[in-house]
Amino acid sequence: MTLAAYCADDLLMGEREVACFGVAIRQQIRLKHLEALWTLLQVSSKASIANAAKRALLRALLPQSLT
């Protein structure tokens, strides 16, 4: 499935929004490419994305004196 088809069908993006991606992205990029990129980034990064989000949330919620 192409990224353009996914955005149009599943995310319900309009034609004009999808057209902003450009021809190469609309025709060549498939969801498997994005999934592979995500996996590569997760494997190659030492920091956990979930841990970074948790730290950011705690900083936002806790008073400055506790952080």
C-alpha atoms as a PDB file:
ATOM      1  CA  MET A   1       0.000   0.000   0.000  1.00  0.00           C
ATOM      2  CA  THR A   2       1.368   3.399  -0.895  1.00  0.00           C
ATOM      3  CA  LEU A   3       1.629   6.181   1.635  1.00  0.00           C
ATOM      4  CA  ALA A   4      -0.775   8.274  -0.453  1.00  0.00           C
ATOM      5  CA  ALA A   5      -3.408   5.509  -0.475  1.00  0.00           C
ATOM      6  CA  TYR A   6      -3.052   5.017   3.286  1.00  0.00           C
ATOM      7  CA  CYS A   7      -3.404   8.742   3.959  1.00  0.00           C
ATOM      8  CA  ALA A   8      -6.432   9.064   1.688  1.00  0.00           C
ATOM      9  CA  ASP A   9      -8.251   5.866   2.691  1.00  0.00           C
ATOM     10  CA  ASP A  10      -7.371   5.352   6.346  1.00  0.00           C
ATOM     11  CA  LEU A  11      -6.535   8.845   7.570  1.00  0.00           C
ATOM     12  CA  LEU A  12      -9.227  10.419   5.383  1.00  0.00           C
ATOM     13  CA  MET A  13      -6.916  13.115   4.068  1.00  0.00           C
ATOM     14  CA  GLY A  14      -8.259  15.131   1.170  1.00  0.00           C
ATOM     15  CA  GLU A  15      -6.805  15.108  -2.338  1.00  0.00           C
ATOM     16  CA  ARG A  16      -5.174  18.505  -1.859  1.00  0.00           C
ATOM     17  CA  GLU A  17      -3.486  17.381   1.366  1.00  0.00           C
ATOM     18  CA  VAL A  18      -2.147  14.215  -0.206  1.00  0.00           C
ATOM     19  CA  ALA A  19      -0.982  16.158  -3.279  1.00  0.00           C
ATOM     20  CA  CYS A  20       1.317  18.206  -1.012  1.00  0.00           C
ATOM     21  CA  PHE A  21       3.555  15.137  -0.615  1.00  0.00           C
ATOM     22  CA  GLY A  22       4.813  15.452  -4.173  1.00  0.00           C
ATOM     23  CA  VAL A  23       4.748  12.912  -6.979  1.00  0.00           C
ATOM     24  CA  ALA A  24       7.742  10.834  -5.872  1.00  0.00           C
ATOM     25  CA  ILE A  25       6.423  10.336  -2.356  1.00  0.00           C
ATOM     26  CA  ARG A  26       2.887   9.611  -3.534  1.00  0.00           C
ATOM     27  CA  GLN A  27       4.004   7.015  -6.067  1.00  0.00           C
ATOM     28  CA  GLN A  28       7.100   5.420  -4.534  1.00  0.00           C
ATOM     29  CA  ILE A  29       6.888   5.423  -0.738  1.00  0.00           C
ATOM     30  CA  ARG A  30       5.071   2.449   0.745  1.00  0.00           C
ATOM     31  CA  LEU A  31       4.134   1.750   4.343  1.00  0.00           C
ATOM     32  CA  LYS A  32       6.735  -1.026   4.537  1.00  0.00           C
ATOM     33  CA  HIS A  33       9.433   1.624   3.924  1.00  0.00           C
ATOM     34  CA  LEU A  34       8.221   3.713   6.865  1.00  0.00           C
ATOM     35  CA  GLU A  35       7.978   0.654   9.094  1.00  0.00           C
ATOM     36  CA  ALA A  36      11.519  -0.382   8.169  1.00  0.00           C
ATOM     37  CA  LEU A  37      12.796   3.133   8.886  1.00  0.00           C
ATOM     38  CA  TRP A  38      11.050   3.168  12.274  1.00  0.00           C
ATOM     39  CA  THR A  39      12.557  -0.210  13.175  1.00  0.00           C
ATOM     40  CA  LEU A  40      16.019   0.935  12.104  1.00  0.00           C
ATOM     41  CA  LEU A  41      15.745   4.071  14.239  1.00  0.00           C
ATOM     42  CA  GLN A  42      14.597   2.079  17.259  1.00  0.00           C
ATOM     43  CA  VAL A  43      17.398  -0.454  16.925  1.00  0.00           C
ATOM     44  CA  SER A  44      20.127   2.110  16.294  1.00  0.00           C
ATOM     45  CA  SER A  45      19.144   4.525  19.042  1.00  0.00           C
ATOM     46  CA  LYS A  46      20.247   3.765  22.551  1.00  0.00           C
ATOM     47  CA  ALA A  47      17.529   5.830  24.209  1.00  0.00           C
ATOM     48  CA  SER A  48      14.023   4.498  24.449  1.00  0.00           C
ATOM     49  CA  ILE A  49      11.383   6.746  22.918  1.00  0.00           C
ATOM     50  CA  ALA A  50       8.938   5.746  25.639  1.00  0.00           C
ATOM     51  CA  ASN A  51      11.419   6.707  28.367  1.00  0.00           C
ATOM     52  CA  ALA A  52      12.028  10.093  26.782  1.00  0.00           C
ATOM     53  CA  ALA A  53       8.294  10.746  26.602  1.00  0.00           C
ATOM     54  CA  LYS A  54       7.861   9.647  30.210  1.00  0.00           C
ATOM     55  CA  ARG A  55      10.609  12.025  31.385  1.00  0.00           C
ATOM     56  CA  ALA A  56       9.100  14.915  29.436  1.00  0.00           C
ATOM     57  CA  LEU A  57       5.666  14.237  30.896  1.00  0.00           C
ATOM     58  CA  LEU A  58       7.029  14.064  34.430  1.00  0.00           C
ATOM     59  CA  ARG A  59       8.897  17.352  33.954  1.00  0.00           C
ATOM     60  CA  ALA A  60       5.690  18.988  32.742  1.00  0.00           C
ATOM     61  CA  LEU A  61       3.559  17.652  35.598  1.00  0.00           C
ATOM     62  CA  LEU A  62       5.868  17.877  38.605  1.00  0.00           C
ATOM     63  CA  PRO A  63       6.753  21.117  40.332  1.00  0.00           C
ATOM     64  CA  GLN A  64      10.210  22.464  39.467  1.00  0.00           C
ATOM     65  CA  SER A  65      11.466  21.817  43.000  1.00  0.00           C
ATOM     66  CA  LEU A  66      11.024  18.046  42.543  1.00  0.00           C
ATOM     67  CA  THR A  67      12.656  17.703  39.137  1.00  0.00           C
END
